[in-house]
């Protein structure tokens, strides 16, 4: 179990999933922590270009209702994630022009004079800053995550 003295945005995906499944933490609490962290620090590194925090909180509320009614809907129930802007997801159009030209440079969270990496530098920076637990990522900031298969939809 995670150290309860650490803020939730510092907990791993496994720690959050376990706490949410055990009903020690709600999805709203987990997502709110990640969204607050993003809003407090993203201006310094430019890792997230579209703030979908309010939508994420509404989804977390629905997940908490589902948890109360029938338990978790999957192993990562309620765990916050970020989604790279060029990955299609419900209600959000994929931009034609994305990347540094459209949104500016993403900075490495450990050294703002250095790049966060290639096309997924923002993804890596977002994970390292605690905005979400998984996302497409590069190794320039010493972590990586997973990328869903394009056009794949959960059932």
N, C-alpha and C. Protein backbone atom coordinates (compact mmCIF):
# COMPACT_ATOMS: atom_id res chain seq x y z
N UNK A 1 0.84 -1.18 0.00
CA UNK A 1 0.00 0.00 0.00
C UNK A 1 0.88 1.25 0.00
N UNK A 2 0.41 2.27 -0.65
CA UNK A 2 1.15 3.51 -0.76
C UNK A 2 1.23 4.24 0.57
N UNK A 3 2.21 5.08 0.69
CA UNK A 3 2.37 5.93 1.86
C UNK A 3 1.26 6.98 1.84
N UNK A 4 0.35 6.96 2.81
CA UNK A 4 -0.77 7.90 2.79
C UNK A 4 -0.35 9.36 3.00
N UNK A 5 0.91 9.58 3.38
CA UNK A 5 1.40 10.94 3.55
C UNK A 5 1.84 11.58 2.24
N UNK A 6 2.02 10.76 1.19
CA UNK A 6 2.36 11.30 -0.13
C UNK A 6 1.09 11.74 -0.83
N UNK A 7 1.15 12.82 -1.61
CA UNK A 7 -0.04 13.21 -2.38
C UNK A 7 -0.39 12.12 -3.40
N UNK A 8 -1.67 11.99 -3.72
CA UNK A 8 -2.11 10.93 -4.63
C UNK A 8 -1.44 11.01 -5.99
N UNK A 9 -1.08 12.19 -6.47
CA UNK A 9 -0.45 12.28 -7.79
C UNK A 9 0.92 11.61 -7.80
N UNK A 10 1.48 11.34 -6.64
CA UNK A 10 2.77 10.64 -6.56
C UNK A 10 2.62 9.13 -6.47
N UNK A 11 1.42 8.63 -6.30
CA UNK A 11 1.21 7.18 -6.18
C UNK A 11 1.33 6.54 -7.55
N UNK A 12 1.78 5.31 -7.59
CA UNK A 12 1.86 4.56 -8.85
C UNK A 12 0.47 4.12 -9.30
N UNK A 13 0.37 3.68 -10.52
CA UNK A 13 -0.90 3.16 -11.03
C UNK A 13 -1.36 1.99 -10.18
N UNK A 14 -0.44 1.11 -9.81
CA UNK A 14 -0.81 -0.06 -8.99
C UNK A 14 -1.28 0.35 -7.61
N UNK A 15 -0.59 1.32 -7.00
CA UNK A 15 -1.00 1.78 -5.67
C UNK A 15 -2.40 2.41 -5.72
N UNK A 16 -2.64 3.24 -6.75
CA UNK A 16 -3.97 3.86 -6.87
C UNK A 16 -5.05 2.82 -7.15
N UNK A 17 -4.78 1.91 -8.07
CA UNK A 17 -5.77 0.88 -8.41
C UNK A 17 -6.13 0.06 -7.18
N UNK A 18 -5.13 -0.32 -6.41
CA UNK A 18 -5.38 -1.11 -5.20
C UNK A 18 -6.21 -0.32 -4.18
N UNK A 19 -5.87 0.95 -3.97
CA UNK A 19 -6.59 1.78 -3.00
C UNK A 19 -8.03 2.05 -3.46
N UNK A 20 -8.21 2.27 -4.76
CA UNK A 20 -9.56 2.51 -5.28
C UNK A 20 -10.41 1.24 -5.16
N UNK A 21 -9.82 0.10 -5.53
CA UNK A 21 -10.55 -1.17 -5.42
C UNK A 21 -10.93 -1.48 -3.98
N UNK A 22 -10.05 -1.09 -3.04
CA UNK A 22 -10.32 -1.33 -1.61
C UNK A 22 -11.21 -0.23 -1.02
N UNK A 23 -11.59 0.73 -1.84
CA UNK A 23 -12.45 1.85 -1.44
C UNK A 23 -11.83 2.72 -0.35
N UNK A 24 -10.51 2.82 -0.40
CA UNK A 24 -9.79 3.71 0.52
C UNK A 24 -9.58 5.08 -0.13
N UNK A 25 -9.65 5.12 -1.45
CA UNK A 25 -9.51 6.34 -2.24
C UNK A 25 -10.58 6.29 -3.32
N UNK A 26 -11.16 7.43 -3.65
CA UNK A 26 -12.14 7.45 -4.74
C UNK A 26 -11.46 7.85 -6.04
N UNK A 27 -12.11 7.53 -7.14
CA UNK A 27 -11.60 7.97 -8.45
C UNK A 27 -11.56 9.48 -8.52
N UNK A 28 -12.56 10.15 -7.95
CA UNK A 28 -12.57 11.62 -7.96
C UNK A 28 -11.36 12.16 -7.22
N UNK A 29 -11.02 11.58 -6.09
CA UNK A 29 -9.84 12.05 -5.34
C UNK A 29 -8.57 11.85 -6.16
N UNK A 30 -8.44 10.70 -6.81
CA UNK A 30 -7.24 10.42 -7.61
C UNK A 30 -7.14 11.37 -8.80
N UNK A 31 -8.24 11.54 -9.51
CA UNK A 31 -8.23 12.41 -10.70
C UNK A 31 -8.05 13.87 -10.28
N UNK A 32 -8.72 14.29 -9.22
CA UNK A 32 -8.59 15.67 -8.76
C UNK A 32 -7.14 15.99 -8.41
N UNK A 33 -6.45 15.06 -7.80
CA UNK A 33 -5.05 15.26 -7.45
C UNK A 33 -4.19 15.44 -8.70
N UNK A 34 -4.41 14.60 -9.70
CA UNK A 34 -3.64 14.69 -10.96
C UNK A 34 -3.96 15.99 -11.70
N UNK A 35 -5.23 16.35 -11.75
CA UNK A 35 -5.64 17.58 -12.45
C UNK A 35 -5.07 18.81 -11.74
N UNK A 36 -5.13 18.83 -10.42
CA UNK A 36 -4.57 19.96 -9.68
C UNK A 36 -3.06 20.08 -9.92
N UNK A 37 -2.39 18.95 -9.93
CA UNK A 37 -0.94 18.94 -10.19
C UNK A 37 -0.66 19.49 -11.60
N UNK A 38 -1.44 19.03 -12.59
CA UNK A 38 -1.26 19.50 -13.95
C UNK A 38 -1.46 21.01 -14.03
N UNK A 39 -2.52 21.48 -13.45
CA UNK A 39 -2.83 22.92 -13.53
C UNK A 39 -1.80 23.77 -12.79
N UNK A 40 -1.19 23.23 -11.75
CA UNK A 40 -0.19 23.97 -10.99
C UNK A 40 1.17 24.02 -11.67
N UNK A 41 1.50 23.01 -12.49
CA UNK A 41 2.87 22.91 -13.01
C UNK A 41 3.00 22.91 -14.53
N UNK A 42 1.93 22.66 -15.25
CA UNK A 42 2.04 22.51 -16.70
C UNK A 42 2.53 23.77 -17.41
N UNK A 43 2.25 24.93 -16.86
CA UNK A 43 2.72 26.17 -17.48
C UNK A 43 4.23 26.25 -17.60
N UNK A 44 4.94 25.53 -16.77
CA UNK A 44 6.41 25.54 -16.79
C UNK A 44 6.99 24.59 -17.83
N UNK A 45 6.24 23.51 -18.17
CA UNK A 45 6.82 22.52 -19.08
C UNK A 45 6.04 22.31 -20.37
N UNK A 46 4.77 22.73 -20.42
CA UNK A 46 3.96 22.64 -21.64
C UNK A 46 3.78 21.19 -22.12
N UNK A 47 3.48 20.29 -21.19
CA UNK A 47 3.30 18.88 -21.55
C UNK A 47 1.88 18.58 -22.03
N UNK A 48 0.91 19.30 -21.52
CA UNK A 48 -0.50 19.06 -21.86
C UNK A 48 -1.03 20.29 -22.59
N UNK A 49 -1.57 20.08 -23.79
CA UNK A 49 -2.04 21.22 -24.59
C UNK A 49 -3.54 21.44 -24.46
N UNK A 50 -4.30 20.42 -24.13
CA UNK A 50 -5.75 20.54 -23.95
C UNK A 50 -6.11 20.08 -22.55
N UNK A 51 -6.58 21.01 -21.72
CA UNK A 51 -6.96 20.68 -20.36
C UNK A 51 -8.36 20.05 -20.38
N UNK A 52 -8.41 18.75 -20.22
CA UNK A 52 -9.68 18.02 -20.17
C UNK A 52 -10.02 17.63 -18.73
N UNK A 53 -9.51 18.41 -17.79
CA UNK A 53 -9.68 18.10 -16.38
C UNK A 53 -11.13 18.01 -15.93
N UNK A 54 -11.97 18.93 -16.41
CA UNK A 54 -13.37 18.89 -15.98
C UNK A 54 -14.06 17.63 -16.51
N UNK A 55 -13.77 17.26 -17.75
CA UNK A 55 -14.35 16.03 -18.31
C UNK A 55 -13.83 14.81 -17.54
N UNK A 56 -12.55 14.83 -17.17
CA UNK A 56 -11.98 13.72 -16.41
C UNK A 56 -12.65 13.59 -15.04
N UNK A 57 -12.94 14.72 -14.41
CA UNK A 57 -13.61 14.67 -13.11
C UNK A 57 -15.04 14.15 -13.23
N UNK A 58 -15.73 14.53 -14.31
CA UNK A 58 -17.09 13.99 -14.52
C UNK A 58 -17.02 12.47 -14.73
N UNK A 59 -16.03 12.02 -15.50
CA UNK A 59 -15.86 10.58 -15.72
C UNK A 59 -15.52 9.87 -14.41
N UNK A 60 -14.69 10.50 -13.58
CA UNK A 60 -14.35 9.91 -12.28
C UNK A 60 -15.58 9.78 -11.39
N UNK A 61 -16.46 10.79 -11.43
CA UNK A 61 -17.71 10.70 -10.66
C UNK A 61 -18.53 9.50 -11.12
N UNK A 62 -18.61 9.29 -12.44
CA UNK A 62 -19.34 8.13 -12.97
C UNK A 62 -18.68 6.83 -12.52
N UNK A 63 -17.35 6.81 -12.49
CA UNK A 63 -16.64 5.61 -12.04
C UNK A 63 -16.92 5.33 -10.56
N UNK A 64 -16.99 6.39 -9.76
CA UNK A 64 -17.30 6.18 -8.34
C UNK A 64 -18.72 5.65 -8.15
N UNK A 65 -19.66 6.13 -8.95
CA UNK A 65 -21.03 5.61 -8.87
C UNK A 65 -21.05 4.14 -9.28
N UNK A 66 -20.31 3.80 -10.33
CA UNK A 66 -20.21 2.41 -10.78
C UNK A 66 -19.60 1.54 -9.69
N UNK A 67 -18.57 2.06 -9.03
CA UNK A 67 -17.93 1.31 -7.95
C UNK A 67 -18.93 1.02 -6.84
N UNK A 68 -19.73 2.01 -6.48
CA UNK A 68 -20.73 1.82 -5.43
C UNK A 68 -21.79 0.79 -5.82
N UNK A 69 -22.17 0.82 -7.10
CA UNK A 69 -23.25 -0.05 -7.57
C UNK A 69 -22.79 -1.48 -7.82
N UNK A 70 -21.63 -1.65 -8.43
CA UNK A 70 -21.25 -3.00 -8.87
C UNK A 70 -19.77 -3.33 -8.78
N UNK A 71 -18.98 -2.46 -8.18
CA UNK A 71 -17.55 -2.73 -8.06
C UNK A 71 -16.76 -2.16 -9.23
N UNK A 72 -15.46 -2.42 -9.27
CA UNK A 72 -14.61 -1.84 -10.32
C UNK A 72 -14.96 -2.38 -11.71
N UNK A 73 -14.76 -1.53 -12.72
CA UNK A 73 -15.05 -1.94 -14.10
C UNK A 73 -13.83 -2.51 -14.80
N UNK A 74 -12.72 -2.55 -14.13
CA UNK A 74 -11.50 -3.11 -14.70
C UNK A 74 -10.35 -2.91 -13.74
N UNK A 75 -9.18 -3.45 -14.05
CA UNK A 75 -8.06 -3.40 -13.12
C UNK A 75 -7.50 -2.00 -12.87
N UNK A 76 -7.72 -1.07 -13.78
CA UNK A 76 -7.25 0.30 -13.58
C UNK A 76 -8.40 1.28 -13.31
N UNK A 77 -9.48 0.76 -12.80
CA UNK A 77 -10.67 1.56 -12.49
C UNK A 77 -10.29 2.81 -11.71
N UNK A 78 -10.58 3.99 -12.28
CA UNK A 78 -10.38 5.26 -11.59
C UNK A 78 -8.98 5.82 -11.62
N UNK A 79 -8.02 5.09 -12.19
CA UNK A 79 -6.64 5.57 -12.23
C UNK A 79 -6.52 6.63 -13.32
N UNK A 80 -6.04 7.84 -12.99
CA UNK A 80 -5.94 8.89 -14.01
C UNK A 80 -4.88 8.58 -15.06
N UNK A 81 -5.21 8.92 -16.29
CA UNK A 81 -4.27 8.79 -17.40
C UNK A 81 -4.33 10.07 -18.23
N UNK A 82 -3.31 10.28 -19.04
CA UNK A 82 -3.36 11.35 -20.03
C UNK A 82 -3.35 10.68 -21.39
N UNK A 83 -3.90 11.37 -22.37
CA UNK A 83 -3.99 10.82 -23.72
C UNK A 83 -3.32 11.78 -24.68
N UNK A 84 -2.38 11.27 -25.43
CA UNK A 84 -1.68 12.10 -26.40
C UNK A 84 -2.68 12.67 -27.40
N UNK A 85 -2.48 13.90 -27.79
CA UNK A 85 -3.47 14.61 -28.61
C UNK A 85 -3.74 13.97 -29.96
N UNK A 86 -2.84 13.15 -30.47
CA UNK A 86 -3.09 12.54 -31.78
C UNK A 86 -3.73 11.16 -31.69
N UNK A 87 -4.19 10.78 -30.49
CA UNK A 87 -4.90 9.52 -30.30
C UNK A 87 -6.38 9.83 -30.18
N UNK A 88 -7.19 9.24 -31.05
CA UNK A 88 -8.63 9.49 -31.02
C UNK A 88 -9.24 8.97 -29.73
N UNK A 89 -10.14 9.77 -29.18
CA UNK A 89 -10.92 9.32 -28.03
C UNK A 89 -12.23 10.08 -28.04
N UNK A 90 -13.17 9.62 -27.25
CA UNK A 90 -14.54 10.11 -27.27
C UNK A 90 -14.63 11.62 -27.14
N UNK A 91 -15.30 12.23 -28.11
CA UNK A 91 -15.62 13.64 -28.04
C UNK A 91 -14.49 14.60 -28.35
N UNK A 92 -13.32 14.12 -28.71
CA UNK A 92 -12.20 15.00 -28.99
C UNK A 92 -11.68 14.70 -30.39
N UNK A 93 -11.64 15.73 -31.21
CA UNK A 93 -11.13 15.58 -32.57
C UNK A 93 -9.61 15.57 -32.57
N UNK A 94 -9.02 14.76 -33.41
CA UNK A 94 -7.57 14.72 -33.55
C UNK A 94 -7.15 15.89 -34.43
N UNK A 95 -6.25 16.75 -33.95
CA UNK A 95 -5.84 17.89 -34.76
C UNK A 95 -5.01 17.47 -35.97
N UNK A 96 -5.11 18.25 -37.02
CA UNK A 96 -4.30 17.95 -38.21
C UNK A 96 -2.84 18.31 -37.97
N UNK A 97 -2.62 19.46 -37.36
CA UNK A 97 -1.26 19.91 -37.11
C UNK A 97 -1.02 19.86 -35.61
N UNK A 98 -0.11 19.03 -35.20
CA UNK A 98 0.21 18.96 -33.79
C UNK A 98 1.71 18.98 -33.63
N UNK A 99 2.14 19.07 -32.42
CA UNK A 99 3.57 19.10 -32.16
C UNK A 99 4.05 20.50 -31.84
N UNK A 100 5.37 20.67 -31.87
CA UNK A 100 5.99 21.92 -31.44
C UNK A 100 5.53 23.12 -32.25
N UNK A 101 5.36 22.94 -33.57
CA UNK A 101 4.93 24.08 -34.39
C UNK A 101 3.58 24.61 -33.92
N UNK A 102 2.69 23.73 -33.53
CA UNK A 102 1.34 24.14 -33.15
C UNK A 102 1.23 24.58 -31.70
N UNK A 103 2.00 23.98 -30.81
CA UNK A 103 1.79 24.20 -29.37
C UNK A 103 3.00 24.70 -28.62
N UNK A 104 4.12 24.82 -29.26
CA UNK A 104 5.33 25.26 -28.57
C UNK A 104 6.12 24.08 -28.01
N UNK A 105 7.29 24.39 -27.53
CA UNK A 105 8.21 23.37 -27.03
C UNK A 105 7.75 22.79 -25.69
N UNK A 106 7.95 21.49 -25.53
CA UNK A 106 7.74 20.84 -24.24
C UNK A 106 9.10 20.71 -23.58
N UNK A 107 9.18 21.12 -22.33
CA UNK A 107 10.44 21.09 -21.61
C UNK A 107 10.56 19.85 -20.74
N UNK A 108 11.78 19.37 -20.58
CA UNK A 108 12.08 18.26 -19.70
C UNK A 108 11.82 18.72 -18.26
N UNK A 109 11.00 18.00 -17.49
CA UNK A 109 10.69 18.46 -16.13
C UNK A 109 11.89 18.48 -15.19
N UNK A 110 12.94 17.75 -15.52
CA UNK A 110 14.12 17.69 -14.64
C UNK A 110 15.16 18.73 -15.03
N UNK A 111 15.04 19.27 -16.24
CA UNK A 111 16.03 20.24 -16.73
C UNK A 111 15.36 21.05 -17.84
N UNK A 112 14.84 22.20 -17.50
CA UNK A 112 14.06 22.96 -18.47
C UNK A 112 14.91 23.59 -19.57
N UNK A 113 16.22 23.39 -19.54
CA UNK A 113 17.04 23.82 -20.67
C UNK A 113 17.18 22.69 -21.69
N UNK A 114 16.66 21.51 -21.36
CA UNK A 114 16.76 20.34 -22.23
C UNK A 114 15.40 19.99 -22.80
N UNK A 115 15.42 19.31 -23.92
CA UNK A 115 14.19 18.84 -24.55
C UNK A 115 13.63 17.66 -23.76
N UNK A 116 12.32 17.51 -23.83
CA UNK A 116 11.69 16.34 -23.21
C UNK A 116 11.77 15.13 -24.13
N UNK A 117 12.23 15.30 -25.33
CA UNK A 117 12.39 14.17 -26.25
C UNK A 117 11.63 14.38 -27.53
N UNK A 118 11.46 13.32 -28.27
CA UNK A 118 10.84 13.37 -29.59
C UNK A 118 9.36 13.66 -29.56
N UNK A 119 8.63 13.05 -30.46
CA UNK A 119 7.22 13.38 -30.64
C UNK A 119 6.37 13.05 -29.42
N UNK A 120 6.87 12.24 -28.53
CA UNK A 120 6.12 11.90 -27.31
C UNK A 120 6.79 12.47 -26.07
N UNK A 121 7.57 13.51 -26.24
CA UNK A 121 8.23 14.15 -25.10
C UNK A 121 7.23 14.70 -24.09
N UNK A 122 6.14 15.27 -24.60
CA UNK A 122 5.11 15.78 -23.70
C UNK A 122 4.46 14.66 -22.91
N UNK A 123 4.32 13.52 -23.55
CA UNK A 123 3.74 12.35 -22.89
C UNK A 123 4.62 11.91 -21.73
N UNK A 124 5.90 11.82 -21.99
CA UNK A 124 6.84 11.41 -20.94
C UNK A 124 6.87 12.43 -19.82
N UNK A 125 6.90 13.70 -20.17
CA UNK A 125 6.94 14.76 -19.15
C UNK A 125 5.67 14.72 -18.30
N UNK A 126 4.52 14.49 -18.92
CA UNK A 126 3.25 14.43 -18.18
C UNK A 126 3.25 13.28 -17.18
N UNK A 127 3.74 12.12 -17.57
CA UNK A 127 3.81 10.98 -16.66
C UNK A 127 4.74 11.30 -15.50
N UNK A 128 5.90 11.84 -15.80
CA UNK A 128 6.88 12.12 -14.75
C UNK A 128 6.42 13.20 -13.78
N UNK A 129 5.57 14.11 -14.24
CA UNK A 129 5.08 15.18 -13.37
C UNK A 129 3.85 14.77 -12.57
N UNK A 130 3.31 13.58 -12.83
CA UNK A 130 2.19 13.08 -12.04
C UNK A 130 0.82 13.44 -12.57
N UNK A 131 0.73 13.83 -13.85
CA UNK A 131 -0.56 14.20 -14.42
C UNK A 131 -1.42 12.98 -14.71
N UNK A 132 -0.81 11.88 -15.01
CA UNK A 132 -1.51 10.63 -15.30
C UNK A 132 -0.52 9.51 -15.16
N UNK A 133 -0.99 8.27 -15.08
CA UNK A 133 -0.09 7.16 -14.82
C UNK A 133 0.42 6.47 -16.07
N UNK A 134 -0.21 6.69 -17.21
CA UNK A 134 0.26 6.03 -18.42
C UNK A 134 -0.04 6.90 -19.61
N UNK A 135 0.81 6.80 -20.59
CA UNK A 135 0.67 7.57 -21.81
C UNK A 135 1.81 7.14 -22.73
N UNK A 136 1.67 7.41 -24.01
CA UNK A 136 2.78 7.18 -24.91
C UNK A 136 3.95 8.00 -24.40
N UNK A 137 5.12 7.43 -24.30
CA UNK A 137 6.22 8.20 -23.74
C UNK A 137 7.56 7.83 -24.35
N UNK A 138 8.49 8.73 -24.24
CA UNK A 138 9.85 8.48 -24.72
C UNK A 138 10.74 8.20 -23.52
N UNK A 139 11.99 7.86 -23.76
CA UNK A 139 12.91 7.60 -22.67
C UNK A 139 13.77 8.80 -22.33
N UNK A 140 13.55 9.95 -22.93
CA UNK A 140 14.38 11.12 -22.66
C UNK A 140 14.26 11.62 -21.23
N UNK A 141 13.18 11.31 -20.56
CA UNK A 141 13.05 11.70 -19.16
C UNK A 141 13.04 10.46 -18.26
N UNK A 142 13.56 9.37 -18.77
CA UNK A 142 13.85 8.15 -18.01
C UNK A 142 12.64 7.30 -17.62
N UNK A 143 11.54 7.42 -18.32
CA UNK A 143 10.38 6.56 -18.08
C UNK A 143 9.70 6.27 -19.40
N UNK A 144 8.89 5.26 -19.42
CA UNK A 144 8.07 5.02 -20.61
C UNK A 144 6.74 4.44 -20.18
N UNK A 145 5.81 4.40 -21.10
CA UNK A 145 4.46 3.89 -20.82
C UNK A 145 4.01 3.11 -22.04
N UNK A 146 2.72 2.93 -22.21
CA UNK A 146 2.25 2.16 -23.34
C UNK A 146 1.44 3.03 -24.29
N UNK A 147 1.32 2.57 -25.50
CA UNK A 147 0.51 3.26 -26.49
C UNK A 147 -0.53 2.28 -26.99
N UNK A 148 -1.79 2.70 -26.98
CA UNK A 148 -2.83 1.80 -27.48
C UNK A 148 -2.72 1.60 -28.99
N UNK A 149 -3.22 0.50 -29.47
CA UNK A 149 -3.26 0.24 -30.89
C UNK A 149 -4.18 1.28 -31.53
N UNK A 150 -3.71 1.97 -32.59
CA UNK A 150 -4.58 2.96 -33.24
C UNK A 150 -5.92 2.36 -33.65
N UNK A 151 -6.98 3.11 -33.41
CA UNK A 151 -8.35 2.75 -33.77
C UNK A 151 -8.93 1.62 -32.92
N UNK A 152 -8.17 1.09 -31.96
CA UNK A 152 -8.72 0.05 -31.09
C UNK A 152 -9.67 0.67 -30.09
N UNK A 153 -10.75 0.03 -29.82
CA UNK A 153 -11.75 0.52 -28.88
C UNK A 153 -12.00 -0.55 -27.82
N UNK A 154 -12.05 -0.16 -26.54
CA UNK A 154 -12.36 -1.16 -25.53
C UNK A 154 -13.80 -1.65 -25.67
N UNK A 155 -14.02 -2.87 -25.29
CA UNK A 155 -15.37 -3.44 -25.39
C UNK A 155 -16.06 -3.41 -24.06
